[in-house]
Amino acid sequence: MTNTSVFTTSWDDGHPLDARVAELLSRHGFRGTFYMPLSNREGLPVMPPGEMRRLGQEFEIGSHTIDHCYLTTVDAAEARRQIVEGKTGLEQILGHRVSGFCYPGGHRTLEHRQMVADAGFDYARTVVNFYRTLPADPFRMPTTLQFYPHGRVVLARNFIMCEEWGRNRDLFFVSIGRGNFISRLQAMLDHVCLHGGVFHLWGHSWELEAFDGWRQLDSFLRYAAGHIAVERRLNNHEVLQHRVANGC
């Protein structure tokens, strides 16, 4: 299938299993972005600095606060510290500038959006699903779907919480169609390839073992590799650059 769509993928929380996701992405020729805190207040392990640097040689690394802090649960001073020091700490580990941020849990306010911009980030990713187009504001980058087999009730709840129903209605209806999780995910990719735009898959590596996710991710990436040209497989920052260059 020849199309002008682009494909990106991103993975949150900096778990050591991100290295296994990176191996799958590389095997199928995909780029991507990994959003990493420096530690995790919820007790999950975080990739050690040496592994972060190795991963950053091939993939984009973005910030995810100091310790995976939900910004809406702390006061303004602590939220600002989490954003600023999460960025500088990651830059010290990687040895280069970090341009992307992801709001932990997707929780944010307009004040937090401004804090992220003021900290020197170029963009910020949310957890809003069912999009194939990007808003004008680079600090509320949406996604297409989380790589997790949520039931249709959860998907419907996510759709209701979306900010622009008109933009993502079509992909929502595809997501709750017939078939299993992977067949519906493939149908969503087909829809984006047919109508154009960005297919943005996101997830957590630490969740994959709970639902045979490794095999299913391998299967879906193999399918996507047959539909998306190599030059249109981008990381999150490259998607923003593509939007500016092409007005999508």
C-alpha atoms as a PDB file:
ATOM      1  CA  MET A   1       0.000   0.000   0.000  1.00  0.00           C
ATOM      2  CA  THR A   2       1.523   3.341  -1.088  1.00  0.00           C
ATOM      3  CA  ASN A   3       0.651   6.264   1.160  1.00  0.00           C
ATOM      4  CA  THR A   4       2.010   9.470   2.631  1.00  0.00           C
ATOM      5  CA  SER A   5       1.292   8.628   6.263  1.00  0.00           C
ATOM      6  CA  VAL A   6       3.971   8.560   8.932  1.00  0.00           C
ATOM      7  CA  PHE A   7       4.397   6.150  11.826  1.00  0.00           C
ATOM      8  CA  THR A   8       5.825   6.877  15.251  1.00  0.00           C
ATOM      9  CA  THR A   9       5.913   5.022  18.519  1.00  0.00           C
ATOM     10  CA  SER A  10       6.734   6.026  22.091  1.00  0.00           C
ATOM     11  CA  TRP A  11       7.210   4.197  25.376  1.00  0.00           C
ATOM     12  CA  ASP A  12       6.854   5.610  28.865  1.00  0.00           C
ATOM     13  CA  ASP A  13       8.454   5.156  32.304  1.00  0.00           C
ATOM     14  CA  GLY A  14      12.021   4.120  31.383  1.00  0.00           C
ATOM     15  CA  HIS A  15      11.651   0.506  32.538  1.00  0.00           C
ATOM     16  CA  PRO A  16      14.648  -1.775  31.790  1.00  0.00           C
ATOM     17  CA  LEU A  17      12.367  -3.762  29.448  1.00  0.00           C
ATOM     18  CA  ASP A  18      12.456  -0.743  27.121  1.00  0.00           C
ATOM     19  CA  ALA A  19      15.653  -2.317  25.773  1.00  0.00           C
ATOM     20  CA  ARG A  20      13.606  -5.290  24.562  1.00  0.00           C
ATOM     21  CA  VAL A  21      11.095  -2.955  22.887  1.00  0.00           C
ATOM     22  CA  ALA A  22      14.020  -1.194  21.195  1.00  0.00           C
ATOM     23  CA  GLU A  23      15.254  -4.537  19.857  1.00  0.00           C
ATOM     24  CA  LEU A  24      11.852  -5.218  18.281  1.00  0.00           C
ATOM     25  CA  LEU A  25      11.673  -1.748  16.776  1.00  0.00           C
ATOM     26  CA  SER A  26      15.154  -2.125  15.300  1.00  0.00           C
ATOM     27  CA  ARG A  27      14.359  -5.567  13.937  1.00  0.00           C
ATOM     28  CA  HIS A  28      11.475  -4.141  11.911  1.00  0.00           C
ATOM     29  CA  GLY A  29      13.191  -0.895  10.963  1.00  0.00           C
ATOM     30  CA  PHE A  30      11.266   1.551  13.165  1.00  0.00           C
ATOM     31  CA  ARG A  31      12.380   4.611  15.061  1.00  0.00           C
ATOM     32  CA  GLY A  32      10.768   5.785  18.264  1.00  0.00           C
ATOM     33  CA  THR A  33      10.946   7.766  21.480  1.00  0.00           C
ATOM     34  CA  PHE A  34      11.392   6.584  25.073  1.00  0.00           C
ATOM     35  CA  TYR A  35      10.251   8.921  27.879  1.00  0.00           C
ATOM     36  CA  MET A  36      12.299   8.378  31.013  1.00  0.00           C
ATOM     37  CA  PRO A  37      12.170   9.568  34.621  1.00  0.00           C
ATOM     38  CA  LEU A  38      15.355   9.349  36.646  1.00  0.00           C
ATOM     39  CA  SER A  39      13.604   7.137  39.218  1.00  0.00           C
ATOM     40  CA  ASN A  40      10.066   5.970  39.868  1.00  0.00           C
ATOM     41  CA  ARG A  41       8.155   6.920  43.017  1.00  0.00           C
ATOM     42  CA  GLU A  42       5.732   4.039  42.382  1.00  0.00           C
ATOM     43  CA  GLY A  43       8.499   1.478  42.884  1.00  0.00           C
ATOM     44  CA  LEU A  44       9.044   0.293  39.312  1.00  0.00           C
ATOM     45  CA  PRO A  45      12.682  -0.109  38.255  1.00  0.00           C
ATOM     46  CA  VAL A  46      14.198   2.461  35.891  1.00  0.00           C
ATOM     47  CA  MET A  47      16.854   1.808  33.272  1.00  0.00           C
ATOM     48  CA  PRO A  48      20.340   2.598  34.664  1.00  0.00           C
ATOM     49  CA  PRO A  49      22.301   5.500  33.138  1.00  0.00           C
ATOM     50  CA  GLY A  50      24.610   3.350  31.016  1.00  0.00           C
ATOM     51  CA  GLU A  51      21.655   1.616  29.361  1.00  0.00           C
ATOM     52  CA  MET A  52      19.932   4.970  28.829  1.00  0.00           C
ATOM     53  CA  ARG A  53      22.997   6.201  26.957  1.00  0.00           C
ATOM     54  CA  ARG A  54      23.134   3.060  24.798  1.00  0.00           C
ATOM     55  CA  LEU A  55      19.447   3.358  23.971  1.00  0.00           C
ATOM     56  CA  GLY A  56      19.916   7.035  23.150  1.00  0.00           C
ATOM     57  CA  GLN A  57      22.449   6.195  20.454  1.00  0.00           C
ATOM     58  CA  GLU A  58      19.634   4.867  18.246  1.00  0.00           C
ATOM     59  CA  PHE A  59      16.391   6.288  19.670  1.00  0.00           C
ATOM     60  CA  GLU A  60      15.139   9.618  20.929  1.00  0.00           C
ATOM     61  CA  ILE A  61      15.056   9.913  24.726  1.00  0.00           C
ATOM     62  CA  GLY A  62      12.526  12.298  26.271  1.00  0.00           C
ATOM     63  CA  SER A  63      11.915  13.404  29.844  1.00  0.00           C
ATOM     64  CA  HIS A  64       9.187  12.102  32.151  1.00  0.00           C
ATOM     65  CA  THR A  65       9.869  14.251  35.276  1.00  0.00           C
ATOM     66  CA  ILE A  66      12.368  13.377  38.004  1.00  0.00           C
ATOM     67  CA  ASP A  67      10.499  10.423  39.475  1.00  0.00           C
ATOM     68  CA  HIS A  68       7.311   9.891  37.433  1.00  0.00           C
ATOM     69  CA  CYS A  69       5.408  12.563  39.305  1.00  0.00           C
ATOM     70  CA  TYR A  70       1.789  13.249  38.384  1.00  0.00           C
ATOM     71  CA  LEU A  71       2.012  17.016  38.116  1.00  0.00           C
ATOM     72  CA  THR A  72      -1.548  17.639  39.260  1.00  0.00           C
ATOM     73  CA  THR A  73      -0.798  15.995  42.633  1.00  0.00           C
ATOM     74  CA  VAL A  74       1.872  18.502  43.703  1.00  0.00           C
ATOM     75  CA  ASP A  75       2.080  22.264  44.134  1.00  0.00           C
ATOM     76  CA  ALA A  76       3.425  24.595  41.451  1.00  0.00           C
ATOM     77  CA  ALA A  77       6.938  24.807  42.864  1.00  0.00           C
ATOM     78  CA  GLU A  78       7.337  21.027  43.008  1.00  0.00           C
ATOM     79  CA  ALA A  79       5.821  20.583  39.542  1.00  0.00           C
ATOM     80  CA  ARG A  80       8.315  23.088  38.130  1.00  0.00           C
ATOM     81  CA  ARG A  81      11.188  21.325  39.903  1.00  0.00           C
ATOM     82  CA  GLN A  82      10.081  17.950  38.537  1.00  0.00           C
ATOM     83  CA  ILE A  83       9.983  19.329  34.998  1.00  0.00           C
ATOM     84  CA  VAL A  84      13.225  21.335  35.086  1.00  0.00           C
ATOM     85  CA  GLU A  85      15.408  18.930  37.069  1.00  0.00           C
ATOM     86  CA  GLY A  86      14.061  15.912  35.203  1.00  0.00           C
ATOM     87  CA  LYS A  87      15.314  17.535  32.002  1.00  0.00           C
ATOM     88  CA  THR A  88      18.714  18.645  33.295  1.00  0.00           C
ATOM     89  CA  GLY A  89      19.366  15.317  35.024  1.00  0.00           C
ATOM     90  CA  LEU A  90      18.598  13.366  31.867  1.00  0.00           C
ATOM     91  CA  GLU A  91      20.768  15.697  29.799  1.00  0.00           C
ATOM     92  CA  GLN A  92      23.678  15.104  32.161  1.00  0.00           C
ATOM     93  CA  ILE A  93      23.286  11.357  31.701  1.00  0.00           C
ATOM     94  CA  LEU A  94      22.928  11.478  27.916  1.00  0.00           C
ATOM     95  CA  GLY A  95      25.397  14.264  27.224  1.00  0.00           C
ATOM     96  CA  HIS A  96      23.083  16.155  24.899  1.00  0.00           C
ATOM     97  CA  ARG A  97      19.940  18.286  24.898  1.00  0.00           C
ATOM     98  CA  VAL A  98      16.564  16.659  25.577  1.00  0.00           C
ATOM     99  CA  SER A  99      13.795  18.207  23.457  1.00  0.00           C
ATOM    100  CA  GLY A 100      10.705  16.152  24.337  1.00  0.00           C
ATOM    101  CA  PHE A 101       8.580  15.732  27.463  1.00  0.00           C
ATOM    102  CA  CYS A 102       5.697  13.417  28.336  1.00  0.00           C
ATOM    103  CA  TYR A 103       3.194  14.278  31.091  1.00  0.00           C
ATOM    104  CA  PRO A 104       3.123  11.306  33.520  1.00  0.00           C
ATOM    105  CA  GLY A 105      -0.322   9.740  33.358  1.00  0.00           C
ATOM    106  CA  GLY A 106      -1.286  12.482  30.926  1.00  0.00           C
ATOM    107  CA  HIS A 107      -2.254  14.692  33.884  1.00  0.00           C
ATOM    108  CA  ARG A 108      -1.652  18.363  33.229  1.00  0.00           C
ATOM    109  CA  THR A 109      -3.056  21.887  33.368  1.00  0.00           C
ATOM    110  CA  LEU A 110      -2.384  24.938  31.219  1.00  0.00           C
ATOM    111  CA  GLU A 111       0.055  26.059  33.909  1.00  0.00           C
ATOM    112  CA  HIS A 112       2.012  22.813  33.548  1.00  0.00           C
ATOM    113  CA  ARG A 113       2.042  23.217  29.776  1.00  0.00           C
ATOM    114  CA  GLN A 114       3.667  26.626  30.226  1.00  0.00           C
ATOM    115  CA  MET A 115       6.194  25.229  32.700  1.00  0.00           C
ATOM    116  CA  VAL A 116       7.264  22.634  30.135  1.00  0.00           C
ATOM    117  CA  ALA A 117       7.668  25.299  27.449  1.00  0.00           C
ATOM    118  CA  ASP A 118       9.576  27.581  29.833  1.00  0.00           C
ATOM    119  CA  ALA A 119      11.935  24.718  30.734  1.00  0.00           C
ATOM    120  CA  GLY A 120      13.170  24.675  27.129  1.00  0.00           C
ATOM    121  CA  PHE A 121      11.379  21.658  25.695  1.00  0.00           C
ATOM    122  CA  ASP A 122      10.230  21.735  22.060  1.00  0.00           C
ATOM    123  CA  TYR A 123       7.114  19.628  22.590  1.00  0.00           C
ATOM    124  CA  ALA A 124       5.169  17.480  25.057  1.00  0.00           C
ATOM    125  CA  ARG A 125       3.228  14.272  24.494  1.00  0.00           C
ATOM    126  CA  THR A 126      -0.114  13.471  26.110  1.00  0.00           C
ATOM    127  CA  VAL A 127      -2.005  10.156  26.418  1.00  0.00           C
ATOM    128  CA  VAL A 128      -5.022  11.311  24.374  1.00  0.00           C
ATOM    129  CA  ASN A 129      -5.946   8.601  21.839  1.00  0.00           C
ATOM    130  CA  PHE A 130      -7.629   8.224  18.434  1.00  0.00           C
ATOM    131  CA  TYR A 131      -5.789  11.011  16.576  1.00  0.00           C
ATOM    132  CA  ARG A 132      -4.168  10.980  13.154  1.00  0.00           C
ATOM    133  CA  THR A 133      -3.669  14.751  12.956  1.00  0.00           C
ATOM    134  CA  LEU A 134      -1.610  17.033  15.153  1.00  0.00           C
ATOM    135  CA  PRO A 135      -2.903  20.163  16.885  1.00  0.00           C
ATOM    136  CA  ALA A 136      -1.188  23.496  16.350  1.00  0.00           C
ATOM    137  CA  ASP A 137       0.138  23.414  19.928  1.00  0.00           C
ATOM    138  CA  PRO A 138       3.245  21.175  20.095  1.00  0.00           C
ATOM    139  CA  PHE A 139       2.824  20.858  23.867  1.00  0.00           C
ATOM    140  CA  ARG A 140      -0.282  18.691  23.577  1.00  0.00           C
ATOM    141  CA  MET A 141       0.871  16.044  21.114  1.00  0.00           C
ATOM    142  CA  PRO A 142      -1.804  13.318  20.969  1.00  0.00           C
ATOM    143  CA  THR A 143      -1.519   9.627  20.106  1.00  0.00           C
ATOM    144  CA  THR A 144      -3.452   7.083  18.063  1.00  0.00           C
ATOM    145  CA  LEU A 145      -3.704   4.199  20.529  1.00  0.00           C
ATOM    146  CA  GLN A 146      -2.035   2.661  23.553  1.00  0.00           C
ATOM    147  CA  PHE A 147      -0.534  -0.773  22.951  1.00  0.00           C
ATOM    148  CA  TYR A 148      -2.714  -2.518  25.505  1.00  0.00           C
ATOM    149  CA  PRO A 149      -5.851  -4.629  24.906  1.00  0.00           C
ATOM    150  CA  HIS A 150      -8.310  -2.346  26.660  1.00  0.00           C
ATOM    151  CA  GLY A 151     -11.948  -3.398  26.473  1.00  0.00           C
ATOM    152  CA  ARG A 152     -14.444  -1.390  24.487  1.00  0.00           C
ATOM    153  CA  VAL A 153     -15.852   0.226  27.637  1.00  0.00           C
ATOM    154  CA  VAL A 154     -12.425   1.661  28.489  1.00  0.00           C
ATOM    155  CA  LEU A 155     -11.945   2.823  24.906  1.00  0.00           C
ATOM    156  CA  ALA A 156     -15.325   4.535  24.982  1.00  0.00           C
ATOM    157  CA  ARG A 157     -14.429   6.247  28.249  1.00  0.00           C
ATOM    158  CA  ASN A 158     -11.172   7.456  26.701  1.00  0.00           C
ATOM    159  CA  PHE A 159     -13.051   8.781  23.695  1.00  0.00           C
ATOM    160  CA  ILE A 160     -15.480  10.718  25.873  1.00  0.00           C
ATOM    161  CA  MET A 161     -12.509  12.343  27.633  1.00  0.00           C
ATOM    162  CA  CYS A 162     -10.943  13.418  24.330  1.00  0.00           C
ATOM    163  CA  GLU A 163     -10.589  17.094  23.623  1.00  0.00           C
ATOM    164  CA  GLU A 164     -11.832  17.128  20.023  1.00  0.00           C
ATOM    165  CA  TRP A 165     -14.410  14.452  19.266  1.00  0.00           C
ATOM    166  CA  GLY A 166     -14.775  15.427  15.620  1.00  0.00           C
ATOM    167  CA  ARG A 167     -11.117  14.810  14.870  1.00  0.00           C
ATOM    168  CA  ASN A 168     -10.931  11.341  16.339  1.00  0.00           C
ATOM    169  CA  ARG A 169     -14.426   9.905  15.924  1.00  0.00           C
ATOM    170  CA  ASP A 170     -13.552   7.769  12.894  1.00  0.00           C
ATOM    171  CA  LEU A 171     -10.561   6.084  14.514  1.00  0.00           C
ATOM    172  CA  PHE A 172     -12.518   5.477  17.695  1.00  0.00           C
ATOM    173  CA  PHE A 173     -15.175   3.530  15.780  1.00  0.00           C
ATOM    174  CA  VAL A 174     -12.460   1.489  14.063  1.00  0.00           C
ATOM    175  CA  SER A 175     -10.893   0.739  17.461  1.00  0.00           C
ATOM    176  CA  ILE A 176     -14.107  -0.832  18.795  1.00  0.00           C
ATOM    177  CA  GLY A 177     -14.896  -2.818  15.635  1.00  0.00           C
ATOM    178  CA  ARG A 178     -14.876  -6.564  15.194  1.00  0.00           C
ATOM    179  CA  GLY A 179     -11.914  -8.804  15.823  1.00  0.00           C
ATOM    180  CA  ASN A 180      -9.185  -9.070  18.420  1.00  0.00           C
ATOM    181  CA  PHE A 181      -6.845  -6.332  19.594  1.00  0.00           C
ATOM    182  CA  ILE A 182      -4.247  -6.770  16.847  1.00  0.00           C
ATOM    183  CA  SER A 183      -6.767  -7.014  14.014  1.00  0.00           C
ATOM    184  CA  ARG A 184      -8.419  -3.788  15.205  1.00  0.00           C
ATOM    185  CA  LEU A 185      -5.016  -2.108  15.550  1.00  0.00           C
ATOM    186  CA  GLN A 186      -4.203  -3.162  11.991  1.00  0.00           C
ATOM    187  CA  ALA A 187      -7.535  -1.733  10.830  1.00  0.00           C
ATOM    188  CA  MET A 188      -6.659   1.569  12.513  1.00  0.00           C
ATOM    189  CA  LEU A 189      -3.323   1.646  10.691  1.00  0.00           C
ATOM    190  CA  ASP A 190      -5.108   0.870   7.409  1.00  0.00           C
ATOM    191  CA  HIS A 191      -7.461   3.795   8.074  1.00  0.00           C
ATOM    192  CA  VAL A 192      -4.546   6.187   8.627  1.00  0.00           C
ATOM    193  CA  CYS A 193      -2.777   4.896   5.532  1.00  0.00           C
ATOM    194  CA  LEU A 194      -5.940   5.457   3.484  1.00  0.00           C
ATOM    195  CA  HIS A 195      -6.792   8.920   4.788  1.00  0.00           C
ATOM    196  CA  GLY A 196      -3.329  10.221   5.642  1.00  0.00           C
ATOM    197  CA  GLY A 197      -1.787  11.564   8.810  1.00  0.00           C
ATOM    198  CA  VAL A 198       0.227  10.227  11.730  1.00  0.00           C
ATOM    199  CA  PHE A 199      -0.139   6.817  13.341  1.00  0.00           C
ATOM    200  CA  HIS A 200       1.231   7.121  16.887  1.00  0.00           C
ATOM    201  CA  LEU A 201       1.446   3.946  18.957  1.00  0.00           C
ATOM    202  CA  TRP A 202       2.428   4.289  22.604  1.00  0.00           C
ATOM    203  CA  GLY A 203       2.733   2.007  25.593  1.00  0.00           C
ATOM    204  CA  HIS A 204       4.650   0.695  28.595  1.00  0.00           C
ATOM    205  CA  SER A 205       7.193  -2.074  28.139  1.00  0.00           C
ATOM    206  CA  TRP A 206       6.530  -3.381  31.650  1.00  0.00           C
ATOM    207  CA  GLU A 207       2.903  -4.180  30.736  1.00  0.00           C
ATOM    208  CA  LEU A 208       3.653  -6.419  27.752  1.00  0.00           C
ATOM    209  CA  GLU A 209       4.263  -9.680  29.596  1.00  0.00           C
ATOM    210  CA  ALA A 210       0.803  -9.500  31.168  1.00  0.00           C
ATOM    211  CA  PHE A 211      -1.033 -10.109  27.869  1.00  0.00           C
ATOM    212  CA  ASP A 212       1.349 -11.889  25.469  1.00  0.00           C
ATOM    213  CA  GLY A 213       2.327  -8.410  24.354  1.00  0.00           C
ATOM    214  CA  TRP A 214       5.793  -9.233  23.046  1.00  0.00           C
ATOM    215  CA  ARG A 215       4.502 -11.627  20.411  1.00  0.00           C
ATOM    216  CA  GLN A 216       1.662  -9.279  19.520  1.00  0.00           C
ATOM    217  CA  LEU A 217       3.955  -6.249  19.222  1.00  0.00           C
ATOM    218  CA  ASP A 218       6.283  -8.233  16.971  1.00  0.00           C
ATOM    219  CA  SER A 219       3.306  -9.206  14.812  1.00  0.00           C
ATOM    220  CA  PHE A 220       1.961  -5.674  14.539  1.00  0.00           C
ATOM    221  CA  LEU A 221       5.350  -4.136  13.724  1.00  0.00           C
ATOM    222  CA  ARG A 222       5.815  -6.721  10.984  1.00  0.00           C
ATOM    223  CA  TYR A 223       2.428  -5.716   9.561  1.00  0.00           C
ATOM    224  CA  ALA A 224       3.237  -1.994   9.842  1.00  0.00           C
ATOM    225  CA  ALA A 225       6.585  -2.479   8.114  1.00  0.00           C
ATOM    226  CA  GLY A 226       4.692  -3.691   5.055  1.00  0.00           C
ATOM    227  CA  HIS A 227       2.555  -0.538   4.976  1.00  0.00           C
ATOM    228  CA  ILE A 228       4.852   2.334   5.968  1.00  0.00           C
ATOM    229  CA  ALA A 229       7.885   3.361   3.914  1.00  0.00           C
ATOM    230  CA  VAL A 230      11.193   3.369   5.796  1.00  0.00           C
ATOM    231  CA  GLU A 231      11.637   7.115   5.403  1.00  0.00           C
ATOM    232  CA  ARG A 232       8.243   7.690   7.062  1.00  0.00           C
ATOM    233  CA  ARG A 233       9.092   5.811  10.265  1.00  0.00           C
ATOM    234  CA  LEU A 234       9.936   8.614  12.671  1.00  0.00           C
ATOM    235  CA  ASN A 235      10.549   9.398  16.309  1.00  0.00           C
ATOM    236  CA  ASN A 236       8.262  11.873  18.091  1.00  0.00           C
ATOM    237  CA  HIS A 237      10.468  14.920  17.526  1.00  0.00           C
ATOM    238  CA  GLU A 238      10.790  14.087  13.842  1.00  0.00           C
ATOM    239  CA  VAL A 239       6.986  13.938  13.602  1.00  0.00           C
ATOM    240  CA  LEU A 240       6.829  17.554  14.780  1.00  0.00           C
ATOM    241  CA  GLN A 241       9.452  18.529  12.223  1.00  0.00           C
ATOM    242  CA  HIS A 242       7.476  16.690   9.539  1.00  0.00           C
ATOM    243  CA  ARG A 243       4.340  18.621  10.497  1.00  0.00           C
ATOM    244  CA  VAL A 244       6.138  21.937  10.155  1.00  0.00           C
ATOM    245  CA  ALA A 245       7.614  20.947   6.791  1.00  0.00           C
ATOM    246  CA  ASN A 246       4.404  19.502   5.356  1.00  0.00           C
ATOM    247  CA  GLY A 247       1.601  21.276   7.242  1.00  0.00           C
ATOM    248  CA  CYS A 248      -0.047  18.039   8.398  1.00  0.00           C
END
